[in-house]
Amino acid sequence: MGRVAPEATAFTHRDAGFVFNLVGTWADAGEDEVHTSWARSSFDRLGPASSGAAYVNFLGDDGAQRVTAAYGGNHARLVELKRRYDPDNVFRLNQNIAP
C-alpha cells in the first residue's frame, strides 16, 4: 500500500508500518458493558503506538471526526466531490462525508 501516492485514492495513510483492527463480539447483550469497556480500554492503551489515523472500513458509529481523520489530507477533496456528485447526500448510509 505504500507504493501508491497518498493523494491517488481516498485512503491517504500509506506510510504506516502496520494496521490493527480491534474487534469485540459477544452473544449475551447483558454483557455489553463489560465487553465494551475492555474493548475501549484496549483501544485507548494502543493509542501511543498509533498514528491517530483510522481506516474508514474499520469504523463503526465513530462520528464525523473519525471519518475526517480516516481520510486525512484527502478529506477536503472528497467533500468537494460529494458536493458535486451527491449534493443531496443520498449516499449517506456509510461512513458519511457530508457535502
PDB file of N, CA and C in Angstrom:
ATOM      1  N   MET A   1       0.812  -1.200   0.000  1.00  0.00           N
ATOM      2  CA  MET A   1       0.000   0.000   0.000  1.00  0.00           C
ATOM      3  C   MET A   1       0.847   1.252   0.000  1.00  0.00           C
ATOM      4  N   GLY A   2       2.084   1.137   0.433  1.00  0.00           N
ATOM      5  CA  GLY A   2       2.968   2.287   0.486  1.00  0.00           C
ATOM      6  C   GLY A   2       3.511   2.718  -0.860  1.00  0.00           C
ATOM      7  N   ARG A   3       3.288   1.919  -1.892  1.00  0.00           N
ATOM      8  CA  ARG A   3       3.785   2.259  -3.223  1.00  0.00           C
ATOM      9  C   ARG A   3       2.859   3.215  -3.973  1.00  0.00           C
ATOM     10  N   VAL A   4       1.678   3.450  -3.422  1.00  0.00           N
ATOM     11  CA  VAL A   4       0.694   4.325  -4.057  1.00  0.00           C
ATOM     12  C   VAL A   4       0.746   5.689  -3.367  1.00  0.00           C
ATOM     13  N   ALA A   5       0.714   6.731  -4.155  1.00  0.00           N
ATOM     14  CA  ALA A   5       0.750   8.092  -3.595  1.00  0.00           C
ATOM     15  C   ALA A   5      -0.492   8.329  -2.735  1.00  0.00           C
ATOM     16  N   PRO A   6      -0.357   8.998  -1.591  1.00  0.00           N
ATOM     17  CA  PRO A   6      -1.496   9.235  -0.699  1.00  0.00           C
ATOM     18  C   PRO A   6      -2.677   9.931  -1.359  1.00  0.00           C
ATOM     19  N   GLU A   7      -2.405  10.791  -2.341  1.00  0.00           N
ATOM     20  CA  GLU A   7      -3.496  11.512  -2.990  1.00  0.00           C
ATOM     21  C   GLU A   7      -4.089  10.743  -4.180  1.00  0.00           C
ATOM     22  N   ALA A   8      -3.567   9.562  -4.481  1.00  0.00           N
ATOM     23  CA  ALA A   8      -4.044   8.792  -5.631  1.00  0.00           C
ATOM     24  C   ALA A   8      -5.405   8.136  -5.390  1.00  0.00           C
ATOM     25  N   THR A   9      -5.749   7.916  -4.154  1.00  0.00           N
ATOM     26  CA  THR A   9      -7.027   7.292  -3.801  1.00  0.00           C
ATOM     27  C   THR A   9      -7.598   8.037  -2.597  1.00  0.00           C
ATOM     28  N   ALA A  10      -8.762   7.632  -2.140  1.00  0.00           N
ATOM     29  CA  ALA A  10      -9.347   8.255  -0.947  1.00  0.00           C
ATOM     30  C   ALA A  10      -8.524   7.940   0.291  1.00  0.00           C
ATOM     31  N   PHE A  11      -7.971   6.729   0.350  1.00  0.00           N
ATOM     32  CA  PHE A  11      -7.185   6.292   1.514  1.00  0.00           C
ATOM     33  C   PHE A  11      -5.817   6.947   1.478  1.00  0.00           C
ATOM     34  N   THR A  12      -5.527   7.745   2.482  1.00  0.00           N
ATOM     35  CA  THR A  12      -4.300   8.548   2.468  1.00  0.00           C
ATOM     36  C   THR A  12      -3.167   7.993   3.333  1.00  0.00           C
ATOM     37  N   HIS A  13      -3.491   7.224   4.343  1.00  0.00           N
ATOM     38  CA  HIS A  13      -2.480   6.792   5.329  1.00  0.00           C
ATOM     39  C   HIS A  13      -1.708   5.585   4.812  1.00  0.00           C
ATOM     40  N   ARG A  14      -0.734   5.848   3.979  1.00  0.00           N
ATOM     41  CA  ARG A  14       0.002   4.787   3.308  1.00  0.00           C
ATOM     42  C   ARG A  14       1.417   4.598   3.848  1.00  0.00           C
ATOM     43  N   ASP A  15       1.756   5.302   4.914  1.00  0.00           N
ATOM     44  CA  ASP A  15       3.107   5.201   5.455  1.00  0.00           C
ATOM     45  C   ASP A  15       3.181   4.396   6.748  1.00  0.00           C
ATOM     46  N   ALA A  16       2.055   3.872   7.197  1.00  0.00           N
ATOM     47  CA  ALA A  16       2.037   3.104   8.446  1.00  0.00           C
ATOM     48  C   ALA A  16       2.748   1.771   8.258  1.00  0.00           C
ATOM     49  N   GLY A  17       3.454   1.358   9.280  1.00  0.00           N
ATOM     50  CA  GLY A  17       4.149   0.078   9.236  1.00  0.00           C
ATOM     51  C   GLY A  17       3.254  -1.104   9.543  1.00  0.00           C
ATOM     52  N   PHE A  18       2.109  -0.843  10.149  1.00  0.00           N
ATOM     53  CA  PHE A  18       1.170  -1.915  10.480  1.00  0.00           C
ATOM     54  C   PHE A  18      -0.215  -1.314  10.675  1.00  0.00           C
ATOM     55  N   VAL A  19      -1.202  -2.196  10.698  1.00  0.00           N
ATOM     56  CA  VAL A  19      -2.589  -1.805  10.930  1.00  0.00           C
ATOM     57  C   VAL A  19      -3.139  -2.717  12.018  1.00  0.00           C
ATOM     58  N   PHE A  20      -3.876  -2.165  12.957  1.00  0.00           N
ATOM     59  CA  PHE A  20      -4.579  -3.028  13.903  1.00  0.00           C
ATOM     60  C   PHE A  20      -6.057  -2.721  13.856  1.00  0.00           C
ATOM     61  N   ASN A  21      -6.828  -3.770  13.985  1.00  0.00           N
ATOM     62  CA  ASN A  21      -8.286  -3.660  13.975  1.00  0.00           C
ATOM     63  C   ASN A  21      -8.781  -4.429  15.186  1.00  0.00           C
ATOM     64  N   LEU A  22      -9.237  -3.727  16.168  1.00  0.00           N
ATOM     65  CA  LEU A  22      -9.710  -4.326  17.414  1.00  0.00           C
ATOM     66  C   LEU A  22     -11.200  -4.616  17.284  1.00  0.00           C
ATOM     67  N   VAL A  23     -11.562  -5.894  17.351  1.00  0.00           N
ATOM     68  CA  VAL A  23     -12.959  -6.304  17.183  1.00  0.00           C
ATOM     69  C   VAL A  23     -13.377  -7.090  18.415  1.00  0.00           C
ATOM     70  N   GLY A  24     -14.453  -6.658  19.028  1.00  0.00           N
ATOM     71  CA  GLY A  24     -15.007  -7.382  20.176  1.00  0.00           C
ATOM     72  C   GLY A  24     -16.422  -7.848  19.843  1.00  0.00           C
ATOM     73  N   THR A  25     -16.694  -9.100  20.055  1.00  0.00           N
ATOM     74  CA  THR A  25     -18.041  -9.636  19.830  1.00  0.00           C
ATOM     75  C   THR A  25     -18.423 -10.532  20.993  1.00  0.00           C
ATOM     76  N   TRP A  26     -19.707 -10.611  21.259  1.00  0.00           N
ATOM     77  CA  TRP A  26     -20.227 -11.464  22.317  1.00  0.00           C
ATOM     78  C   TRP A  26     -21.692 -11.739  22.043  1.00  0.00           C
ATOM     79  N   ALA A  27     -22.201 -12.779  22.626  1.00  0.00           N
ATOM     80  CA  ALA A  27     -23.567 -13.223  22.332  1.00  0.00           C
ATOM     81  C   ALA A  27     -24.612 -12.661  23.291  1.00  0.00           C
ATOM     82  N   ASP A  28     -24.221 -12.415  24.524  1.00  0.00           N
ATOM     83  CA  ASP A  28     -25.175 -12.024  25.567  1.00  0.00           C
ATOM     84  C   ASP A  28     -25.221 -10.507  25.720  1.00  0.00           C
ATOM     85  N   ALA A  29     -26.349  -9.906  25.362  1.00  0.00           N
ATOM     86  CA  ALA A  29     -26.492  -8.450  25.468  1.00  0.00           C
ATOM     87  C   ALA A  29     -26.343  -7.966  26.906  1.00  0.00           C
ATOM     88  N   GLY A  30     -26.551  -8.825  27.858  1.00  0.00           N
ATOM     89  CA  GLY A  30     -26.366  -8.457  29.256  1.00  0.00           C
ATOM     90  C   GLY A  30     -24.906  -8.200  29.602  1.00  0.00           C
ATOM     91  N   GLU A  31     -24.007  -8.593  28.718  1.00  0.00           N
ATOM     92  CA  GLU A  31     -22.567  -8.393  28.930  1.00  0.00           C
ATOM     93  C   GLU A  31     -22.020  -7.202  28.143  1.00  0.00           C
ATOM     94  N   ASP A  32     -22.912  -6.401  27.575  1.00  0.00           N
ATOM     95  CA  ASP A  32     -22.470  -5.270  26.744  1.00  0.00           C
ATOM     96  C   ASP A  32     -21.475  -4.367  27.465  1.00  0.00           C
ATOM     97  N   GLU A  33     -21.796  -3.987  28.667  1.00  0.00           N
ATOM     98  CA  GLU A  33     -20.954  -3.026  29.383  1.00  0.00           C
ATOM     99  C   GLU A  33     -19.550  -3.563  29.630  1.00  0.00           C
ATOM    100  N   VAL A  34     -19.439  -4.787  30.081  1.00  0.00           N
ATOM    101  CA  VAL A  34     -18.119  -5.345  30.391  1.00  0.00           C
ATOM    102  C   VAL A  34     -17.270  -5.494  29.129  1.00  0.00           C
ATOM    103  N   HIS A  35     -17.872  -5.941  28.046  1.00  0.00           N
ATOM    104  CA  HIS A  35     -17.097  -6.140  26.821  1.00  0.00           C
ATOM    105  C   HIS A  35     -16.783  -4.822  26.116  1.00  0.00           C
ATOM    106  N   THR A  36     -17.722  -3.910  26.109  1.00  0.00           N
ATOM    107  CA  THR A  36     -17.457  -2.594  25.538  1.00  0.00           C
ATOM    108  C   THR A  36     -16.339  -1.909  26.312  1.00  0.00           C
ATOM    109  N   SER A  37     -16.340  -2.099  27.612  1.00  0.00           N
ATOM    110  CA  SER A  37     -15.315  -1.491  28.462  1.00  0.00           C
ATOM    111  C   SER A  37     -13.919  -2.016  28.122  1.00  0.00           C
ATOM    112  N   TRP A  38     -13.758  -3.347  28.021  1.00  0.00           N
ATOM    113  CA  TRP A  38     -12.417  -3.862  27.722  1.00  0.00           C
ATOM    114  C   TRP A  38     -11.979  -3.491  26.309  1.00  0.00           C
ATOM    115  N   ALA A  39     -12.925  -3.453  25.376  1.00  0.00           N
ATOM    116  CA  ALA A  39     -12.560  -3.091  24.009  1.00  0.00           C
ATOM    117  C   ALA A  39     -12.091  -1.636  23.943  1.00  0.00           C
ATOM    118  N   ARG A  40     -12.834  -0.739  24.566  1.00  0.00           N
ATOM    119  CA  ARG A  40     -12.430   0.679  24.560  1.00  0.00           C
ATOM    120  C   ARG A  40     -11.122   0.887  25.314  1.00  0.00           C
ATOM    121  N   SER A  41     -10.961   0.195  26.420  1.00  0.00           N
ATOM    122  CA  SER A  41      -9.728   0.300  27.197  1.00  0.00           C
ATOM    123  C   SER A  41      -8.530  -0.197  26.384  1.00  0.00           C
ATOM    124  N   SER A  42      -8.699  -1.293  25.696  1.00  0.00           N
ATOM    125  CA  SER A  42      -7.620  -1.833  24.863  1.00  0.00           C
ATOM    126  C   SER A  42      -7.265  -0.865  23.743  1.00  0.00           C
ATOM    127  N   PHE A  43      -8.274  -0.299  23.111  1.00  0.00           N
ATOM    128  CA  PHE A  43      -8.045   0.677  22.047  1.00  0.00           C
ATOM    129  C   PHE A  43      -7.263   1.873  22.593  1.00  0.00           C
ATOM    130  N   ASP A  44      -7.676   2.385  23.736  1.00  0.00           N
ATOM    131  CA  ASP A  44      -7.001   3.532  24.339  1.00  0.00           C
ATOM    132  C   ASP A  44      -5.557   3.207  24.697  1.00  0.00           C
ATOM    133  N   ARG A  45      -5.309   1.995  25.171  1.00  0.00           N
ATOM    134  CA  ARG A  45      -3.944   1.613  25.553  1.00  0.00           C
ATOM    135  C   ARG A  45      -3.030   1.456  24.341  1.00  0.00           C
ATOM    136  N   LEU A  46      -3.608   1.167  23.193  1.00  0.00           N
ATOM    137  CA  LEU A  46      -2.809   1.073  21.970  1.00  0.00           C
ATOM    138  C   LEU A  46      -2.542   2.445  21.356  1.00  0.00           C
ATOM    139  N   GLY A  47      -3.222   3.462  21.844  1.00  0.00           N
ATOM    140  CA  GLY A  47      -3.095   4.819  21.313  1.00  0.00           C
ATOM    141  C   GLY A  47      -1.680   5.327  21.148  1.00  0.00           C
ATOM    142  N   PRO A  48      -0.801   5.156  22.134  1.00  0.00           N
ATOM    143  CA  PRO A  48       0.561   5.668  21.983  1.00  0.00           C
ATOM    144  C   PRO A  48       1.338   5.045  20.817  1.00  0.00           C
ATOM    145  N   ALA A  49       0.946   3.866  20.372  1.00  0.00           N
ATOM    146  CA  ALA A  49       1.617   3.218  19.242  1.00  0.00           C
ATOM    147  C   ALA A  49       0.934   3.549  17.921  1.00  0.00           C
ATOM    148  N   SER A  50      -0.093   4.372  17.976  1.00  0.00           N
ATOM    149  CA  SER A  50      -0.900   4.677  16.805  1.00  0.00           C
ATOM    150  C   SER A  50      -0.535   6.024  16.204  1.00  0.00           C
ATOM    151  N   SER A  51      -0.761   6.158  14.911  1.00  0.00           N
ATOM    152  CA  SER A  51      -0.571   7.448  14.245  1.00  0.00           C
ATOM    153  C   SER A  51      -1.772   8.359  14.486  1.00  0.00           C
ATOM    154  N   GLY A  52      -2.852   7.782  15.034  1.00  0.00           N
ATOM    155  CA  GLY A  52      -4.080   8.536  15.239  1.00  0.00           C
ATOM    156  C   GLY A  52      -5.002   8.482  14.040  1.00  0.00           C
ATOM    157  N   ALA A  53      -4.529   7.854  12.977  1.00  0.00           N
ATOM    158  CA  ALA A  53      -5.331   7.726  11.770  1.00  0.00           C
ATOM    159  C   ALA A  53      -6.330   6.587  11.938  1.00  0.00           C
ATOM    160  N   ALA A  54      -7.201   6.461  10.983  1.00  0.00           N
ATOM    161  CA  ALA A  54      -8.193   5.389  11.006  1.00  0.00           C
ATOM    162  C   ALA A  54      -8.405   4.897   9.586  1.00  0.00           C
ATOM    163  N   TYR A  55      -8.765   3.632   9.453  1.00  0.00           N
ATOM    164  CA  TYR A  55      -9.152   3.067   8.167  1.00  0.00           C
ATOM    165  C   TYR A  55     -10.667   3.061   8.153  1.00  0.00           C
ATOM    166  N   VAL A  56     -11.267   3.746   7.209  1.00  0.00           N
ATOM    167  CA  VAL A  56     -12.705   4.001   7.231  1.00  0.00           C
ATOM    168  C   VAL A  56     -13.530   2.718   7.305  1.00  0.00           C
ATOM    169  N   ASN A  57     -13.071   1.639   6.693  1.00  0.00           N
ATOM    170  CA  ASN A  57     -13.840   0.394   6.723  1.00  0.00           C
ATOM    171  C   ASN A  57     -13.804  -0.292   8.087  1.00  0.00           C
ATOM    172  N   PHE A  58     -12.947   0.158   8.979  1.00  0.00           N
ATOM    173  CA  PHE A  58     -12.898  -0.394  10.340  1.00  0.00           C
ATOM    174  C   PHE A  58     -13.784   0.388  11.300  1.00  0.00           C
ATOM    175  N   LEU A  59     -14.290   1.538  10.887  1.00  0.00           N
ATOM    176  CA  LEU A  59     -15.069   2.382  11.783  1.00  0.00           C
ATOM    177  C   LEU A  59     -16.487   1.851  11.952  1.00  0.00           C
ATOM    178  N   GLY A  60     -17.018   2.070  13.130  1.00  0.00           N
ATOM    179  CA  GLY A  60     -18.425   1.795  13.393  1.00  0.00           C
ATOM    180  C   GLY A  60     -19.150   3.118  13.446  1.00  0.00           C
ATOM    181  N   ASP A  61     -19.824   3.364  14.533  1.00  0.00           N
ATOM    182  CA  ASP A  61     -20.523   4.629  14.732  1.00  0.00           C
ATOM    183  C   ASP A  61     -19.586   5.565  15.493  1.00  0.00           C
ATOM    184  N   ASP A  62     -18.504   5.950  14.832  1.00  0.00           N
ATOM    185  CA  ASP A  62     -17.457   6.728  15.483  1.00  0.00           C
ATOM    186  C   ASP A  62     -17.607   8.230  15.320  1.00  0.00           C
ATOM    187  N   GLY A  63     -18.504   8.664  14.458  1.00  0.00           N
ATOM    188  CA  GLY A  63     -18.747  10.084  14.291  1.00  0.00           C
ATOM    189  C   GLY A  63     -17.932  10.719  13.188  1.00  0.00           C
ATOM    190  N   ALA A  64     -18.313  11.935  12.852  1.00  0.00           N
ATOM    191  CA  ALA A  64     -17.729  12.668  11.732  1.00  0.00           C
ATOM    192  C   ALA A  64     -16.240  12.954  11.920  1.00  0.00           C
ATOM    193  N   GLN A  65     -15.814  13.180  13.144  1.00  0.00           N
ATOM    194  CA  GLN A  65     -14.407  13.493  13.385  1.00  0.00           C
ATOM    195  C   GLN A  65     -13.496  12.326  13.002  1.00  0.00           C
ATOM    196  N   ARG A  66     -13.912  11.100  13.321  1.00  0.00           N
ATOM    197  CA  ARG A  66     -13.108   9.929  12.961  1.00  0.00           C
ATOM    198  C   ARG A  66     -13.140   9.681  11.455  1.00  0.00           C
ATOM    199  N   VAL A  67     -14.265   9.987  10.819  1.00  0.00           N
ATOM    200  CA  VAL A  67     -14.341   9.850   9.359  1.00  0.00           C
ATOM    201  C   VAL A  67     -13.358  10.826   8.718  1.00  0.00           C
ATOM    202  N   THR A  68     -13.341  12.047   9.202  1.00  0.00           N
ATOM    203  CA  THR A  68     -12.394  13.043   8.695  1.00  0.00           C
ATOM    204  C   THR A  68     -10.962  12.561   8.893  1.00  0.00           C
ATOM    205  N   ALA A  69     -10.663  12.012  10.061  1.00  0.00           N
ATOM    206  CA  ALA A  69      -9.315  11.500  10.341  1.00  0.00           C
ATOM    207  C   ALA A  69      -8.964  10.343   9.405  1.00  0.00           C
ATOM    208  N   ALA A  70      -9.947   9.529   9.069  1.00  0.00           N
ATOM    209  CA  ALA A  70      -9.690   8.388   8.192  1.00  0.00           C
ATOM    210  C   ALA A  70      -9.235   8.834   6.804  1.00  0.00           C
ATOM    211  N   TYR A  71      -9.766   9.942   6.334  1.00  0.00           N
ATOM    212  CA  TYR A  71      -9.407  10.424   5.005  1.00  0.00           C
ATOM    213  C   TYR A  71      -8.262  11.429   5.025  1.00  0.00           C
ATOM    214  N   GLY A  72      -7.879  11.885   6.209  1.00  0.00           N
ATOM    215  CA  GLY A  72      -6.729  12.770   6.348  1.00  0.00           C
ATOM    216  C   GLY A  72      -6.748  13.936   5.386  1.00  0.00           C
ATOM    217  N   GLY A  73      -5.626  14.163   4.734  1.00  0.00           N
ATOM    218  CA  GLY A  73      -5.477  15.276   3.813  1.00  0.00           C
ATOM    219  C   GLY A  73      -6.351  15.183   2.572  1.00  0.00           C
ATOM    220  N   ASN A  74      -6.957  14.034   2.332  1.00  0.00           N
ATOM    221  CA  ASN A  74      -7.834  13.872   1.176  1.00  0.00           C
ATOM    222  C   ASN A  74      -9.284  14.246   1.480  1.00  0.00           C
ATOM    223  N   HIS A  75      -9.604  14.505   2.721  1.00  0.00           N
ATOM    224  CA  HIS A  75     -10.996  14.751   3.105  1.00  0.00           C
ATOM    225  C   HIS A  75     -11.583  15.956   2.377  1.00  0.00           C
ATOM    226  N   ALA A  76     -10.871  17.053   2.314  1.00  0.00           N
ATOM    227  CA  ALA A  76     -11.402  18.262   1.666  1.00  0.00           C
ATOM    228  C   ALA A  76     -11.734  17.988   0.202  1.00  0.00           C
ATOM    229  N   ARG A  77     -10.884  17.252  -0.486  1.00  0.00           N
ATOM    230  CA  ARG A  77     -11.132  16.901  -1.889  1.00  0.00           C
ATOM    231  C   ARG A  77     -12.374  16.028  -2.007  1.00  0.00           C
ATOM    232  N   LEU A  78     -12.556  15.097  -1.067  1.00  0.00           N
ATOM    233  CA  LEU A  78     -13.728  14.220  -1.090  1.00  0.00           C
ATOM    234  C   LEU A  78     -15.015  14.990  -0.791  1.00  0.00           C
ATOM    235  N   VAL A  79     -14.933  15.993   0.074  1.00  0.00           N
ATOM    236  CA  VAL A  79     -16.103  16.844   0.346  1.00  0.00           C
ATOM    237  C   VAL A  79     -16.511  17.569  -0.939  1.00  0.00           C
ATOM    238  N   GLU A  80     -15.548  18.076  -1.674  1.00  0.00           N
ATOM    239  CA  GLU A  80     -15.852  18.764  -2.930  1.00  0.00           C
ATOM    240  C   GLU A  80     -16.494  17.811  -3.941  1.00  0.00           C
ATOM    241  N   LEU A  81     -15.997  16.596  -4.019  1.00  0.00           N
ATOM    242  CA  LEU A  81     -16.599  15.608  -4.907  1.00  0.00           C
ATOM    243  C   LEU A  81     -18.028  15.279  -4.478  1.00  0.00           C
ATOM    244  N   LYS A  82     -18.222  15.174  -3.177  1.00  0.00           N
ATOM    245  CA  LYS A  82     -19.566  14.891  -2.654  1.00  0.00           C
ATOM    246  C   LYS A  82     -20.519  16.039  -2.991  1.00  0.00           C
ATOM    247  N   ARG A  83     -20.074  17.260  -2.833  1.00  0.00           N
ATOM    248  CA  ARG A  83     -20.904  18.423  -3.179  1.00  0.00           C
ATOM    249  C   ARG A  83     -21.293  18.412  -4.658  1.00  0.00           C
ATOM    250  N   ARG A  84     -20.361  17.981  -5.472  1.00  0.00           N
ATOM    251  CA  ARG A  84     -20.592  17.998  -6.915  1.00  0.00           C
ATOM    252  C   ARG A  84     -21.517  16.864  -7.371  1.00  0.00           C
ATOM    253  N   TYR A  85     -21.280  15.649  -6.871  1.00  0.00           N
ATOM    254  CA  TYR A  85     -21.990  14.479  -7.382  1.00  0.00           C
ATOM    255  C   TYR A  85     -23.124  13.972  -6.493  1.00  0.00           C
ATOM    256  N   ASP A  86     -23.154  14.388  -5.239  1.00  0.00           N
ATOM    257  CA  ASP A  86     -24.215  13.944  -4.325  1.00  0.00           C
ATOM    258  C   ASP A  86     -24.590  15.071  -3.362  1.00  0.00           C
ATOM    259  N   PRO A  87     -25.020  16.221  -3.890  1.00  0.00           N
ATOM    260  CA  PRO A  87     -25.315  17.373  -3.028  1.00  0.00           C
ATOM    261  C   PRO A  87     -26.471  17.122  -2.063  1.00  0.00           C
ATOM    262  N   ASP A  88     -27.357  16.172  -2.396  1.00  0.00           N
ATOM    263  CA  ASP A  88     -28.480  15.851  -1.507  1.00  0.00           C
ATOM    264  C   ASP A  88     -28.135  14.763  -0.498  1.00  0.00           C
ATOM    265  N   ASN A  89     -26.897  14.314  -0.501  1.00  0.00           N
ATOM    266  CA  ASN A  89     -26.390  13.323   0.451  1.00  0.00           C
ATOM    267  C   ASN A  89     -27.212  12.027   0.416  1.00  0.00           C
ATOM    268  N   VAL A  90     -27.547  11.601  -0.785  1.00  0.00           N
ATOM    269  CA  VAL A  90     -28.297  10.353  -0.961  1.00  0.00           C
ATOM    270  C   VAL A  90     -27.473   9.171  -0.445  1.00  0.00           C
ATOM    271  N   PHE A  91     -26.199   9.146  -0.781  1.00  0.00           N
ATOM    272  CA  PHE A  91     -25.321   8.066  -0.345  1.00  0.00           C
ATOM    273  C   PHE A  91     -24.714   8.434   1.010  1.00  0.00           C
ATOM    274  N   ARG A  92     -25.471   8.200   2.054  1.00  0.00           N
ATOM    275  CA  ARG A  92     -25.082   8.621   3.404  1.00  0.00           C
ATOM    276  C   ARG A  92     -25.112   7.483   4.416  1.00  0.00           C
ATOM    277  N   LEU A  93     -25.500   6.304   3.989  1.00  0.00           N
ATOM    278  CA  LEU A  93     -25.639   5.191   4.927  1.00  0.00           C
ATOM    279  C   LEU A  93     -24.337   4.397   5.046  1.00  0.00           C
ATOM    280  N   ASN A  94     -23.263   5.098   5.089  1.00  0.00           N
ATOM    281  CA  ASN A  94     -21.930   4.534   5.251  1.00  0.00           C
ATOM    282  C   ASN A  94     -21.181   5.461   6.203  1.00  0.00           C
ATOM    283  N   GLN A  95     -19.884   5.445   6.160  1.00  0.00           N
ATOM    284  CA  GLN A  95     -19.115   6.423   6.932  1.00  0.00           C
ATOM    285  C   GLN A  95     -19.154   7.715   6.121  1.00  0.00           C
ATOM    286  N   ASN A  96     -20.159   8.492   6.379  1.00  0.00           N
ATOM    287  CA  ASN A  96     -20.555   9.593   5.523  1.00  0.00           C
ATOM    288  C   ASN A  96     -19.551  10.742   5.461  1.00  0.00           C
ATOM    289  N   ILE A  97     -19.400  11.244   4.253  1.00  0.00           N
ATOM    290  CA  ILE A  97     -18.736  12.518   4.018  1.00  0.00           C
ATOM    291  C   ILE A  97     -19.866  13.462   3.663  1.00  0.00           C
ATOM    292  N   ALA A  98     -20.113  14.408   4.507  1.00  0.00           N
ATOM    293  CA  ALA A  98     -21.221  15.349   4.268  1.00  0.00           C
ATOM    294  C   ALA A  98     -20.839  16.335   3.166  1.00  0.00           C
ATOM    295  N   PRO A  99     -21.789  16.641   2.256  1.00  0.00           N
ATOM    296  CA  PRO A  99     -21.472  17.594   1.186  1.00  0.00           C
ATOM    297  C   PRO A  99     -21.356  19.017   1.729  1.00  0.00           C
TER     298      PRO A  99
END
